[in-house]
């Protein structure tokens, strides 16, 4: 808002954050704190790992039931 007051014709670029964010609550907090200017959060390791290992954990949980 200070930039718009000093120069009304200025265009502020979109900003993306990457790194240091591990879960969904941190994503939500980062987006809400940087409200009009931060539009994107890049996450790689944490969500991909959770997605890749979900079937492994499901198989581990269901294996004892298959023996019954």
PDB file of N, CA and C in Angstrom:
ATOM      1  N   UNK A   1       0.814  -1.192   0.000  1.00  0.00           N
ATOM      2  CA  UNK A   1       0.000   0.000   0.000  1.00  0.00           C
ATOM      3  C   UNK A   1       0.860   1.259   0.000  1.00  0.00           C
ATOM      4  N   UNK A   2       2.008   1.213   0.676  1.00  0.00           N
ATOM      5  CA  UNK A   2       2.899   2.376   0.684  1.00  0.00           C
ATOM      6  C   UNK A   2       3.442   2.640  -0.708  1.00  0.00           C
ATOM      7  N   UNK A   3       3.732   1.587  -1.453  1.00  0.00           N
ATOM      8  CA  UNK A   3       4.242   1.753  -2.814  1.00  0.00           C
ATOM      9  C   UNK A   3       3.175   2.373  -3.693  1.00  0.00           C
ATOM     10  N   UNK A   4       1.936   1.924  -3.555  1.00  0.00           N
ATOM     11  CA  UNK A   4       0.841   2.474  -4.356  1.00  0.00           C
ATOM     12  C   UNK A   4       0.581   3.937  -4.013  1.00  0.00           C
ATOM     13  N   UNK A   5       0.791   4.333  -2.754  1.00  0.00           N
ATOM     14  CA  UNK A   5       0.595   5.734  -2.379  1.00  0.00           C
ATOM     15  C   UNK A   5       1.674   6.619  -2.983  1.00  0.00           C
ATOM     16  N   UNK A   6       2.926   6.148  -2.984  1.00  0.00           N
ATOM     17  CA  UNK A   6       4.019   6.943  -3.534  1.00  0.00           C
ATOM     18  C   UNK A   6       3.968   7.004  -5.050  1.00  0.00           C
ATOM     19  N   UNK A   7       3.635   5.884  -5.680  1.00  0.00           N
ATOM     20  CA  UNK A   7       3.586   5.825  -7.137  1.00  0.00           C
ATOM     21  C   UNK A   7       2.362   5.016  -7.551  1.00  0.00           C
ATOM     22  N   UNK A   8       1.240   5.679  -7.815  1.00  0.00           N
ATOM     23  CA  UNK A   8      -0.002   4.958  -8.135  1.00  0.00           C
ATOM     24  C   UNK A   8       0.073   4.107  -9.405  1.00  0.00           C
ATOM     25  N   UNK A   9       0.991   4.422 -10.308  1.00  0.00           N
ATOM     26  CA  UNK A   9       1.085   3.680 -11.568  1.00  0.00           C
ATOM     27  C   UNK A   9       2.029   2.481 -11.479  1.00  0.00           C
ATOM     28  N   UNK A  10       2.627   2.252 -10.329  1.00  0.00           N
ATOM     29  CA  UNK A  10       3.578   1.145 -10.179  1.00  0.00           C
ATOM     30  C   UNK A  10       2.846  -0.193 -10.200  1.00  0.00           C
ATOM     31  N   UNK A  11       3.444  -1.141 -10.866  1.00  0.00           N
ATOM     32  CA  UNK A  11       2.901  -2.503 -10.852  1.00  0.00           C
ATOM     33  C   UNK A  11       3.816  -3.360  -9.986  1.00  0.00           C
ATOM     34  N   UNK A  12       3.237  -4.018  -9.028  1.00  0.00           N
ATOM     35  CA  UNK A  12       3.998  -4.851  -8.111  1.00  0.00           C
ATOM     36  C   UNK A  12       3.943  -6.282  -8.626  1.00  0.00           C
ATOM     37  N   UNK A  13       5.101  -6.910  -8.844  1.00  0.00           N
ATOM     38  CA  UNK A  13       5.096  -8.274  -9.387  1.00  0.00           C
ATOM     39  C   UNK A  13       4.595  -9.292  -8.368  1.00  0.00           C
ATOM     40  N   UNK A  14       4.139 -10.410  -8.873  1.00  0.00           N
ATOM     41  CA  UNK A  14       3.741 -11.512  -7.998  1.00  0.00           C
ATOM     42  C   UNK A  14       4.990 -12.131  -7.389  1.00  0.00           C
ATOM     43  N   UNK A  15       4.873 -12.574  -6.159  1.00  0.00           N
ATOM     44  CA  UNK A  15       6.012 -13.137  -5.443  1.00  0.00           C
ATOM     45  C   UNK A  15       5.684 -14.574  -5.055  1.00  0.00           C
ATOM     46  N   UNK A  16       6.655 -15.456  -5.200  1.00  0.00           N
ATOM     47  CA  UNK A  16       6.513 -16.849  -4.772  1.00  0.00           C
ATOM     48  C   UNK A  16       7.537 -17.135  -3.682  1.00  0.00           C
ATOM     49  N   UNK A  17       7.131 -17.914  -2.693  1.00  0.00           N
ATOM     50  CA  UNK A  17       8.015 -18.302  -1.598  1.00  0.00           C
ATOM     51  C   UNK A  17       8.400 -19.759  -1.805  1.00  0.00           C
ATOM     52  N   UNK A  18       9.670 -20.063  -1.583  1.00  0.00           N
ATOM     53  CA  UNK A  18      10.122 -21.454  -1.667  1.00  0.00           C
ATOM     54  C   UNK A  18      11.099 -21.717  -0.535  1.00  0.00           C
ATOM     55  N   UNK A  19      10.901 -22.804   0.157  1.00  0.00           N
ATOM     56  CA  UNK A  19      11.829 -23.217   1.202  1.00  0.00           C
ATOM     57  C   UNK A  19      11.379 -22.850   2.596  1.00  0.00           C
ATOM     58  N   UNK A  20      11.622 -23.742   3.522  1.00  0.00           N
ATOM     59  CA  UNK A  20      11.323 -23.497   4.920  1.00  0.00           C
ATOM     60  C   UNK A  20       9.898 -23.782   5.337  1.00  0.00           C
ATOM     61  N   UNK A  21       9.074 -24.231   4.422  1.00  0.00           N
ATOM     62  CA  UNK A  21       7.673 -24.508   4.733  1.00  0.00           C
ATOM     63  C   UNK A  21       7.478 -26.022   4.651  1.00  0.00           C
ATOM     64  N   UNK A  22       6.983 -26.600   5.745  1.00  0.00           N
ATOM     65  CA  UNK A  22       6.920 -28.060   5.816  1.00  0.00           C
ATOM     66  C   UNK A  22       5.516 -28.630   5.806  1.00  0.00           C
ATOM     67  N   UNK A  23       4.503 -27.867   6.249  1.00  0.00           N
ATOM     68  CA  UNK A  23       3.156 -28.439   6.294  1.00  0.00           C
ATOM     69  C   UNK A  23       2.110 -27.407   5.881  1.00  0.00           C
ATOM     70  N   UNK A  24       0.863 -27.839   5.864  1.00  0.00           N
ATOM     71  CA  UNK A  24      -0.212 -27.005   5.329  1.00  0.00           C
ATOM     72  C   UNK A  24      -0.478 -25.766   6.178  1.00  0.00           C
ATOM     73  N   UNK A  25      -0.324 -25.877   7.492  1.00  0.00           N
ATOM     74  CA  UNK A  25      -0.583 -24.710   8.340  1.00  0.00           C
ATOM     75  C   UNK A  25       0.442 -23.616   8.090  1.00  0.00           C
ATOM     76  N   UNK A  26       1.679 -24.000   7.836  1.00  0.00           N
ATOM     77  CA  UNK A  26       2.699 -23.007   7.516  1.00  0.00           C
ATOM     78  C   UNK A  26       2.441 -22.378   6.157  1.00  0.00           C
ATOM     79  N   UNK A  27       1.918 -23.167   5.211  1.00  0.00           N
ATOM     80  CA  UNK A  27       1.554 -22.608   3.908  1.00  0.00           C
ATOM     81  C   UNK A  27       0.467 -21.562   4.066  1.00  0.00           C
ATOM     82  N   UNK A  28      -0.563 -21.894   4.828  1.00  0.00           N
ATOM     83  CA  UNK A  28      -1.674 -20.971   5.038  1.00  0.00           C
ATOM     84  C   UNK A  28      -1.193 -19.694   5.718  1.00  0.00           C
ATOM     85  N   UNK A  29      -0.335 -19.833   6.722  1.00  0.00           N
ATOM     86  CA  UNK A  29       0.182 -18.675   7.441  1.00  0.00           C
ATOM     87  C   UNK A  29       1.010 -17.785   6.510  1.00  0.00           C
ATOM     88  N   UNK A  30       1.856 -18.378   5.683  1.00  0.00           N
ATOM     89  CA  UNK A  30       2.686 -17.597   4.767  1.00  0.00           C
ATOM     90  C   UNK A  30       1.836 -16.850   3.746  1.00  0.00           C
ATOM     91  N   UNK A  31       0.801 -17.514   3.231  1.00  0.00           N
ATOM     92  CA  UNK A  31      -0.076 -16.841   2.269  1.00  0.00           C
ATOM     93  C   UNK A  31      -0.867 -15.716   2.921  1.00  0.00           C
ATOM     94  N   UNK A  32      -1.326 -15.921   4.143  1.00  0.00           N
ATOM     95  CA  UNK A  32      -2.135 -14.889   4.788  1.00  0.00           C
ATOM     96  C   UNK A  32      -1.285 -13.713   5.250  1.00  0.00           C
ATOM     97  N   UNK A  33      -0.047 -13.945   5.662  1.00  0.00           N
ATOM     98  CA  UNK A  33       0.799 -12.841   6.106  1.00  0.00           C
ATOM     99  C   UNK A  33       1.283 -11.988   4.934  1.00  0.00           C
ATOM    100  N   UNK A  34       1.462 -12.588   3.780  1.00  0.00           N
ATOM    101  CA  UNK A  34       1.923 -11.834   2.620  1.00  0.00           C
ATOM    102  C   UNK A  34       0.796 -11.512   1.668  1.00  0.00           C
ATOM    103  N   UNK A  35      -0.394 -11.335   2.218  1.00  0.00           N
ATOM    104  CA  UNK A  35      -1.676 -11.342   1.525  1.00  0.00           C
ATOM    105  C   UNK A  35      -1.718 -10.819   0.095  1.00  0.00           C
ATOM    106  N   UNK A  36      -1.640  -9.559  -0.205  1.00  0.00           N
ATOM    107  CA  UNK A  36      -1.912  -9.217  -1.605  1.00  0.00           C
ATOM    108  C   UNK A  36      -0.744  -9.479  -2.542  1.00  0.00           C
ATOM    109  N   UNK A  37       0.470  -9.672  -2.010  1.00  0.00           N
ATOM    110  CA  UNK A  37       1.643  -9.737  -2.877  1.00  0.00           C
ATOM    111  C   UNK A  37       2.172 -11.146  -3.096  1.00  0.00           C
ATOM    112  N   UNK A  38       2.019 -12.022  -2.119  1.00  0.00           N
ATOM    113  CA  UNK A  38       2.512 -13.393  -2.262  1.00  0.00           C
ATOM    114  C   UNK A  38       1.376 -14.255  -2.791  1.00  0.00           C
ATOM    115  N   UNK A  39       1.586 -14.823  -3.972  1.00  0.00           N
ATOM    116  CA  UNK A  39       0.527 -15.572  -4.648  1.00  0.00           C
ATOM    117  C   UNK A  39       0.795 -17.065  -4.724  1.00  0.00           C
ATOM    118  N   UNK A  40       2.015 -17.481  -4.437  1.00  0.00           N
ATOM    119  CA  UNK A  40       2.373 -18.873  -4.690  1.00  0.00           C
ATOM    120  C   UNK A  40       3.385 -19.340  -3.653  1.00  0.00           C
ATOM    121  N   UNK A  41       3.272 -20.597  -3.253  1.00  0.00           N
ATOM    122  CA  UNK A  41       4.255 -21.213  -2.373  1.00  0.00           C
ATOM    123  C   UNK A  41       4.714 -22.499  -3.040  1.00  0.00           C
ATOM    124  N   UNK A  42       6.013 -22.617  -3.226  1.00  0.00           N
ATOM    125  CA  UNK A  42       6.568 -23.807  -3.863  1.00  0.00           C
ATOM    126  C   UNK A  42       6.993 -24.797  -2.788  1.00  0.00           C
ATOM    127  N   UNK A  43       6.461 -25.995  -2.869  1.00  0.00           N
ATOM    128  CA  UNK A  43       6.836 -27.054  -1.931  1.00  0.00           C
ATOM    129  C   UNK A  43       7.204 -28.288  -2.735  1.00  0.00           C
ATOM    130  N   UNK A  44       8.236 -28.979  -2.295  1.00  0.00           N
ATOM    131  CA  UNK A  44       8.619 -30.174  -3.033  1.00  0.00           C
ATOM    132  C   UNK A  44       8.747 -31.386  -2.133  1.00  0.00           C
ATOM    133  N   UNK A  45       9.706 -31.389  -1.248  1.00  0.00           N
ATOM    134  CA  UNK A  45      10.057 -32.620  -0.550  1.00  0.00           C
ATOM    135  C   UNK A  45       8.953 -33.149   0.360  1.00  0.00           C
ATOM    136  N   UNK A  46       8.397 -32.325   1.224  1.00  0.00           N
ATOM    137  CA  UNK A  46       7.426 -32.818   2.211  1.00  0.00           C
ATOM    138  C   UNK A  46       6.165 -33.399   1.577  1.00  0.00           C
ATOM    139  N   UNK A  47       5.470 -32.679   0.674  1.00  0.00           N
ATOM    140  CA  UNK A  47       4.254 -33.269   0.112  1.00  0.00           C
ATOM    141  C   UNK A  47       4.515 -34.443  -0.825  1.00  0.00           C
ATOM    142  N   UNK A  48       5.626 -34.405  -1.543  1.00  0.00           N
ATOM    143  CA  UNK A  48       5.925 -35.518  -2.444  1.00  0.00           C
ATOM    144  C   UNK A  48       6.237 -36.774  -1.638  1.00  0.00           C
ATOM    145  N   UNK A  49       6.998 -36.616  -0.562  1.00  0.00           N
ATOM    146  CA  UNK A  49       7.315 -37.763   0.289  1.00  0.00           C
ATOM    147  C   UNK A  49       6.053 -38.355   0.891  1.00  0.00           C
ATOM    148  N   UNK A  50       5.165 -37.500   1.366  1.00  0.00           N
ATOM    149  CA  UNK A  50       3.910 -37.992   1.939  1.00  0.00           C
ATOM    150  C   UNK A  50       3.088 -38.731   0.894  1.00  0.00           C
ATOM    151  N   UNK A  51       3.039 -38.212  -0.313  1.00  0.00           N
ATOM    152  CA  UNK A  51       2.276 -38.856  -1.375  1.00  0.00           C
ATOM    153  C   UNK A  51       2.872 -40.179  -1.818  1.00  0.00           C
ATOM    154  N   UNK A  52       4.202 -40.252  -1.842  1.00  0.00           N
ATOM    155  CA  UNK A  52       4.853 -41.484  -2.286  1.00  0.00           C
ATOM    156  C   UNK A  52       4.786 -42.593  -1.242  1.00  0.00           C
ATOM    157  N   UNK A  53       4.845 -42.233   0.029  1.00  0.00           N
ATOM    158  CA  UNK A  53       4.869 -43.251   1.076  1.00  0.00           C
ATOM    159  C   UNK A  53       3.490 -43.620   1.602  1.00  0.00           C
ATOM    160  N   UNK A  54       2.452 -42.935   1.199  1.00  0.00           N
ATOM    161  CA  UNK A  54       1.101 -43.264   1.664  1.00  0.00           C
ATOM    162  C   UNK A  54       0.718 -44.708   1.327  1.00  0.00           C
ATOM    163  N   UNK A  55       0.931 -45.199   0.100  1.00  0.00           N
ATOM    164  CA  UNK A  55       0.588 -46.602  -0.184  1.00  0.00           C
ATOM    165  C   UNK A  55       1.382 -47.598   0.668  1.00  0.00           C
ATOM    166  N   UNK A  56       2.628 -47.271   0.989  1.00  0.00           N
ATOM    167  CA  UNK A  56       3.445 -48.160   1.823  1.00  0.00           C
ATOM    168  C   UNK A  56       2.821 -48.291   3.206  1.00  0.00           C
ATOM    169  N   UNK A  57       2.413 -47.167   3.786  1.00  0.00           N
ATOM    170  CA  UNK A  57       1.811 -47.203   5.112  1.00  0.00           C
ATOM    171  C   UNK A  57       0.450 -47.890   5.095  1.00  0.00           C
ATOM    172  N   UNK A  58      -0.309 -47.715   4.039  1.00  0.00           N
ATOM    173  CA  UNK A  58      -1.603 -48.399   3.934  1.00  0.00           C
ATOM    174  C   UNK A  58      -1.393 -49.911   3.892  1.00  0.00           C
ATOM    175  N   UNK A  59      -0.404 -50.352   3.120  1.00  0.00           N
ATOM    176  CA  UNK A  59      -0.105 -51.792   3.062  1.00  0.00           C
ATOM    177  C   UNK A  59       0.357 -52.322   4.411  1.00  0.00           C
ATOM    178  N   UNK A  60       1.141 -51.523   5.134  1.00  0.00           N
ATOM    179  CA  UNK A  60       1.591 -51.952   6.465  1.00  0.00           C
ATOM    180  C   UNK A  60       0.414 -52.082   7.422  1.00  0.00           C
ATOM    181  N   UNK A  61      -0.551 -51.188   7.315  1.00  0.00           N
ATOM    182  CA  UNK A  61      -1.711 -51.242   8.203  1.00  0.00           C
ATOM    183  C   UNK A  61      -2.658 -52.380   7.843  1.00  0.00           C
ATOM    184  N   UNK A  62      -2.796 -52.662   6.558  1.00  0.00           N
ATOM    185  CA  UNK A  62      -3.743 -53.685   6.122  1.00  0.00           C
ATOM    186  C   UNK A  62      -3.161 -55.096   6.134  1.00  0.00           C
ATOM    187  N   UNK A  63      -1.845 -55.242   6.214  1.00  0.00           N
ATOM    188  CA  UNK A  63      -1.223 -56.568   6.188  1.00  0.00           C
ATOM    189  C   UNK A  63      -1.700 -57.469   7.331  1.00  0.00           C
ATOM    190  N   UNK A  64      -1.795 -56.986   8.576  1.00  0.00           N
ATOM    191  CA  UNK A  64      -2.312 -57.880   9.633  1.00  0.00           C
ATOM    192  C   UNK A  64      -3.754 -58.305   9.395  1.00  0.00           C
ATOM    193  N   UNK A  65      -4.560 -57.471   8.770  1.00  0.00           N
ATOM    194  CA  UNK A  65      -5.951 -57.833   8.504  1.00  0.00           C
ATOM    195  C   UNK A  65      -6.054 -58.898   7.419  1.00  0.00           C
ATOM    196  N   UNK A  66      -5.096 -58.935   6.503  1.00  0.00           N
ATOM    197  CA  UNK A  66      -5.125 -59.921   5.426  1.00  0.00           C
ATOM    198  C   UNK A  66      -4.825 -61.322   5.947  1.00  0.00           C
ATOM    199  N   UNK A  67      -4.118 -61.416   7.067  1.00  0.00           N
ATOM    200  CA  UNK A  67      -3.784 -62.725   7.639  1.00  0.00           C
ATOM    201  C   UNK A  67      -4.969 -63.372   8.337  1.00  0.00           C
ATOM    202  N   UNK A  68      -5.961 -62.584   8.685  1.00  0.00           N
ATOM    203  CA  UNK A  68      -7.120 -63.107   9.432  1.00  0.00           C
ATOM    204  C   UNK A  68      -8.032 -63.901   8.523  1.00  0.00           C
TER     205      UNK A  68
END
